[in-house]
Amino acid sequence: MPRRVPGAAGLHHTRVVRDQAGNAEGGADLELRHRAAWGKPRLVEDAAWLRRQLEDLTCAQESARPRPWAVGDAPEDYLAAQMQAIVGIEIPVDRIEGKWKLSQNRTEADRTGVVAGLSDPQDPGHNLAMAALMAGGDSD
């Protein structure tokens, strides 16, 4: 029987926005996501598969650093010992459900202000993809 794998539920993007009067207020309701995926997990005992997973995860986490660390930087005997303690699990996804909330409960002026802030390259919360989603209207 497939099992439900809970996904992220919570705030994806928070920022301070300005209302019509220029007052700063939290934009914490910008995007609320709930995701769930269903699938039947399986144990993977293939050392090469596990090594690839570790390398991909390490690369994703380290690549933005000035001097990124790589799995290959560690001694092989150390890696072999650490990999013995890691359980590999793969979950082929059979079904996904999700919902997004993009400030639909706010006034048009507030939403326009958020889109403008997200579109501003000088804003630390600059995010053109999110601005495009919000500009497109209701995402439910």
Protein backbone atom coordinates (compact mmCIF):
# COMPACT_ATOMS: atom_id res chain seq x y z
CA MET A 1 0.00 0.00 0.00
CA PRO A 2 1.43 3.41 -0.92
CA ARG A 3 2.27 5.65 2.01
CA ARG A 4 1.66 9.38 2.27
CA VAL A 5 4.90 11.33 2.52
CA PRO A 6 4.23 14.72 4.10
CA GLY A 7 5.79 17.65 2.29
CA ALA A 8 6.57 21.17 3.31
CA ALA A 9 3.71 23.12 4.79
CA GLY A 10 4.51 26.65 5.75
CA LEU A 11 5.85 29.94 4.61
CA HIS A 12 8.03 29.80 1.55
CA HIS A 13 8.79 33.49 1.23
CA THR A 14 8.50 36.17 3.88
CA ARG A 15 9.31 39.82 3.43
CA VAL A 16 8.31 43.29 4.49
CA VAL A 17 5.95 45.06 2.12
CA ARG A 18 4.53 48.58 2.16
CA ASP A 19 0.81 49.23 2.22
CA GLN A 20 -0.90 52.10 0.37
CA ALA A 21 0.02 54.55 3.14
CA GLY A 22 3.69 53.52 3.00
CA ASN A 23 3.59 51.65 6.30
CA ALA A 24 5.78 48.57 6.57
CA GLU A 25 3.96 45.35 7.25
CA GLY A 26 4.82 41.68 7.09
CA GLY A 27 4.20 39.84 3.86
CA ALA A 28 4.19 36.49 5.57
CA ASP A 29 1.07 35.34 3.72
CA LEU A 30 2.80 35.76 0.37
CA GLU A 31 2.98 32.07 -0.37
CA LEU A 32 1.69 29.28 1.79
CA ARG A 33 2.25 25.86 0.34
CA HIS A 34 1.10 22.45 1.35
CA ARG A 35 2.37 19.45 -0.55
CA ALA A 36 1.95 15.78 -0.07
CA ALA A 37 3.22 12.89 -2.14
CA TRP A 38 2.25 9.26 -2.05
CA GLY A 39 4.39 6.32 -3.03
CA LYS A 40 5.70 2.98 -1.86
CA PRO A 41 9.18 3.35 -0.31
CA ARG A 42 11.87 0.80 -1.10
CA LEU A 43 15.19 0.13 0.57
CA VAL A 44 18.25 0.69 -1.65
CA GLU A 45 21.40 -1.19 -0.68
CA ASP A 46 23.48 -0.25 -3.73
CA ALA A 47 26.66 1.56 -2.58
CA ALA A 48 27.12 3.32 -5.95
CA TRP A 49 23.53 4.64 -5.80
CA LEU A 50 24.05 5.91 -2.24
CA ARG A 51 27.35 7.55 -3.20
CA ARG A 52 25.62 9.40 -6.07
CA GLN A 53 22.91 10.61 -3.67
CA LEU A 54 25.54 11.90 -1.23
CA GLU A 55 27.50 13.60 -4.00
CA ASP A 56 24.37 15.27 -5.44
CA LEU A 57 23.18 16.43 -2.02
CA THR A 58 26.63 17.73 -1.07
CA CYS A 59 26.97 19.58 -4.38
CA ALA A 60 23.54 21.19 -3.93
CA GLN A 61 24.42 22.35 -0.42
CA GLU A 62 28.03 23.37 -1.00
CA SER A 63 28.09 24.82 -4.54
CA ALA A 64 27.35 28.42 -3.46
CA ARG A 65 30.22 28.50 -0.96
CA PRO A 66 33.49 30.22 -1.91
CA ARG A 67 35.39 26.95 -1.33
CA PRO A 68 32.83 24.15 -1.66
CA TRP A 69 33.52 20.81 -0.05
CA ALA A 70 33.01 17.65 -2.09
CA VAL A 71 32.45 14.07 -1.00
CA GLY A 72 35.67 13.13 -2.81
CA ASP A 73 37.60 15.41 -0.43
CA ALA A 74 37.13 12.88 2.40
CA PRO A 75 39.33 9.78 2.74
CA GLU A 76 37.78 6.71 1.11
CA ASP A 77 37.96 4.61 4.30
CA TYR A 78 36.09 7.35 6.19
CA LEU A 79 33.40 7.52 3.48
CA ALA A 80 33.02 3.75 3.44
CA ALA A 81 32.51 3.69 7.22
CA GLN A 82 29.99 6.56 7.13
CA MET A 83 28.06 5.02 4.25
CA GLN A 84 27.63 1.82 6.27
CA ALA A 85 25.50 3.83 8.72
CA ILE A 86 23.28 5.45 6.06
CA VAL A 87 20.05 3.80 4.95
CA GLY A 88 19.12 4.53 1.33
CA ILE A 89 15.41 4.88 0.61
CA GLU A 90 13.79 5.62 -2.72
CA ILE A 91 10.13 6.59 -3.02
CA PRO A 92 8.70 6.51 -6.52
CA VAL A 93 5.88 9.07 -6.43
CA ASP A 94 2.45 7.74 -7.41
CA ARG A 95 0.45 10.88 -6.59
CA ILE A 96 1.09 14.51 -5.60
CA GLU A 97 -1.32 17.04 -4.14
CA GLY A 98 -0.62 20.68 -3.42
CA LYS A 99 -2.06 24.12 -2.83
CA TRP A 100 -0.56 27.61 -3.05
CA LYS A 101 -1.77 30.85 -1.55
CA LEU A 102 -0.45 34.05 -3.09
CA SER A 103 -2.00 36.85 -1.01
CA GLN A 104 -5.42 36.43 -2.63
CA ASN A 105 -6.97 37.75 0.60
CA ARG A 106 -5.15 41.10 0.25
CA THR A 107 -6.34 44.18 -1.61
CA GLU A 108 -5.40 44.65 -5.25
CA ALA A 109 -3.17 47.57 -4.23
CA ASP A 110 -1.31 45.40 -1.70
CA ARG A 111 -0.81 42.62 -4.25
CA THR A 112 0.43 45.17 -6.81
CA GLY A 113 2.92 46.48 -4.24
CA VAL A 114 4.18 42.98 -3.50
CA VAL A 115 4.62 42.26 -7.23
CA ALA A 116 6.52 45.54 -7.61
CA GLY A 117 8.81 44.64 -4.70
CA LEU A 118 9.43 41.15 -6.03
CA SER A 119 10.23 42.62 -9.45
CA ASP A 120 12.73 45.18 -8.11
CA PRO A 121 16.32 43.91 -8.60
CA GLN A 122 17.45 46.19 -5.73
CA ASP A 123 15.06 44.47 -3.29
CA PRO A 124 16.67 41.66 -1.24
CA GLY A 125 13.48 39.64 -1.79
CA HIS A 126 13.78 40.01 -5.58
CA ASN A 127 12.05 37.01 -7.18
CA LEU A 128 10.79 37.37 -10.77
CA ALA A 129 9.24 33.90 -10.85
CA MET A 130 7.12 34.63 -7.77
CA ALA A 131 6.21 38.08 -9.15
CA ALA A 132 4.97 36.42 -12.36
CA LEU A 133 2.89 33.91 -10.37
CA MET A 134 1.31 36.68 -8.32
CA ALA A 135 0.68 38.89 -11.35
CA GLY A 136 -1.14 35.98 -12.99
CA GLY A 137 -3.92 36.04 -10.38
CA ASP A 138 -5.47 33.28 -8.34
CA SER A 139 -3.30 30.16 -8.18
CA ASP A 140 -5.73 27.84 -6.35
